[in-house]
Protein backbone atom coordinates (compact mmCIF):
# COMPACT_ATOMS: atom_id res chain seq x y z
CA MET A 1 113.79 -25.36 133.58
CA THR A 2 116.25 -25.20 131.15
CA THR A 3 117.88 -22.05 129.53
CA GLU A 4 117.44 -23.27 125.88
CA CYS A 5 114.29 -23.09 124.05
CA GLY A 6 113.73 -25.72 121.38
CA VAL A 7 110.68 -27.65 120.46
CA GLY A 8 109.84 -29.60 123.78
CA ALA A 9 112.27 -27.80 126.06
CA TRP A 10 111.03 -25.19 128.67
CA THR A 11 112.65 -21.65 128.72
CA SER A 12 114.32 -20.48 131.85
CA GLU A 13 112.08 -18.75 134.25
CA LYS A 14 111.84 -15.31 133.60
CA VAL A 15 109.76 -12.26 134.72
CA VAL A 16 106.03 -12.08 133.50
CA THR A 17 105.52 -9.91 130.33
CA PRO A 18 102.34 -8.08 129.51
CA GLU A 19 101.25 -10.82 127.24
CA MET A 20 101.87 -13.47 130.10
CA GLU A 21 100.03 -11.15 132.76
CA ASP A 22 96.84 -10.92 130.26
CA ILE A 23 96.93 -14.70 129.80
CA CYS A 24 97.04 -15.17 133.55
CA LEU A 25 94.03 -12.74 134.13
CA LYS A 26 91.87 -14.57 131.55
CA VAL A 27 92.23 -17.80 133.39
CA LYS A 28 92.12 -16.66 136.84
CA SER A 29 88.65 -18.01 137.69
CA ASP A 30 90.06 -21.48 136.45
CA ILE A 31 93.06 -21.64 138.54
CA GLU A 32 90.81 -20.65 141.64
CA LYS A 33 88.39 -23.58 140.62
CA LYS A 34 91.30 -25.77 140.52
CA ALA A 35 92.87 -24.43 143.72
CA ARG A 36 89.68 -24.35 145.48
CA ALA A 37 90.29 -21.25 146.91
CA THR A 38 89.51 -17.34 145.88
CA PHE A 39 92.47 -14.82 145.46
CA GLU A 40 91.86 -11.30 146.56
CA ILE A 41 95.62 -10.76 145.66
CA TYR A 42 96.56 -12.04 142.28
CA ILE A 43 99.79 -10.89 140.88
CA PRO A 44 101.67 -12.95 138.08
CA LEU A 45 105.52 -12.91 138.76
CA SER A 46 107.18 -15.24 136.67
CA PHE A 47 106.94 -18.17 133.80
CA GLY A 48 108.38 -20.49 131.81
CA THR A 49 107.13 -21.77 128.40
CA GLN A 50 107.48 -25.24 126.50
CA ILE A 51 106.70 -25.09 122.77
CA VAL A 52 104.76 -28.14 121.60
CA ALA A 53 101.89 -28.03 119.28
CA GLY A 54 100.88 -24.90 120.94
CA LYS A 55 102.45 -23.84 124.21
CA ASN A 56 102.57 -24.79 127.60
CA HIS A 57 103.05 -22.06 130.17
CA LEU A 58 103.91 -22.53 133.69
CA VAL A 59 103.17 -19.41 136.19
CA LYS A 60 104.10 -18.32 139.44
CA VAL A 61 101.21 -16.15 140.84
CA TYR A 62 101.49 -14.09 143.98
CA ILE A 63 98.52 -14.67 146.07
CA GLY A 64 99.51 -12.76 149.39
CA VAL A 65 101.70 -13.00 152.29
CA ASP A 66 104.37 -15.14 150.76
CA LYS A 67 102.04 -17.49 149.10
CA CYS A 68 101.92 -18.22 145.47
CA VAL A 69 100.04 -20.80 143.12
CA HIS A 70 101.77 -22.56 140.30
CA ALA A 71 99.66 -23.04 137.36
CA MET A 72 99.93 -24.97 134.14
CA ILE A 73 98.39 -23.28 131.06
CA THR A 74 98.01 -24.87 127.84
CA GLN A 75 97.59 -22.38 124.90
CA ALA A 76 96.19 -23.82 121.56
CA LEU A 77 97.92 -22.45 118.04
CA PRO A 78 96.32 -19.72 116.73
CA CYS A 79 94.91 -21.63 113.70
CA ASP A 80 93.37 -23.98 116.40
CA GLY A 81 91.52 -20.94 118.20
CA GLY A 82 94.36 -20.08 120.69
CA LYS A 83 92.07 -21.54 123.30
CA LEU A 84 93.78 -21.23 126.95
CA THR A 85 93.12 -24.31 129.34
CA VAL A 86 94.51 -24.55 132.93
CA THR A 87 95.76 -28.08 132.96
CA GLY A 88 97.23 -27.90 136.73
CA VAL A 89 97.66 -25.97 139.84
CA GLN A 90 100.10 -26.34 142.72
CA HIS A 91 98.60 -24.60 145.89
CA PRO A 92 99.70 -23.26 148.22
CA LYS A 93 103.58 -22.86 147.16
CA THR A 94 106.06 -20.38 148.74
CA ALA A 95 107.36 -17.27 146.70
CA SER A 96 110.85 -18.55 146.78
CA GLU A 97 110.09 -22.02 145.43
CA PRO A 98 111.28 -22.30 141.70
CA LEU A 99 108.93 -23.06 139.01
CA ILE A 100 109.35 -27.20 138.27
CA PRO A 101 107.02 -28.58 135.28
CA PHE A 102 104.64 -30.71 136.60
CA ASP A 103 101.80 -33.34 135.68
CA ASP A 104 98.57 -32.82 137.69
């Protein structure tokens, strides 16, 4: 991910904010469906954001014993309802693996 944040560029990976934690909790069941797993432990750790016609978020979520899931979440613009959609999941990942944007 880049350190710049213009339209289309990804922000650098940063620690999860309360807003991003809320987004992750709202889409937990969608992430579990795409991963075909149920996560008893589910702790959002870090994320990056891409500004497009809305926002794309790439999130690393800790799911236990050095295992994580990487999830791509699209957030529509507020004027379009702000709907959250999980567009991709990579699972399992290790906690040390960096977030790298992907297409699912």
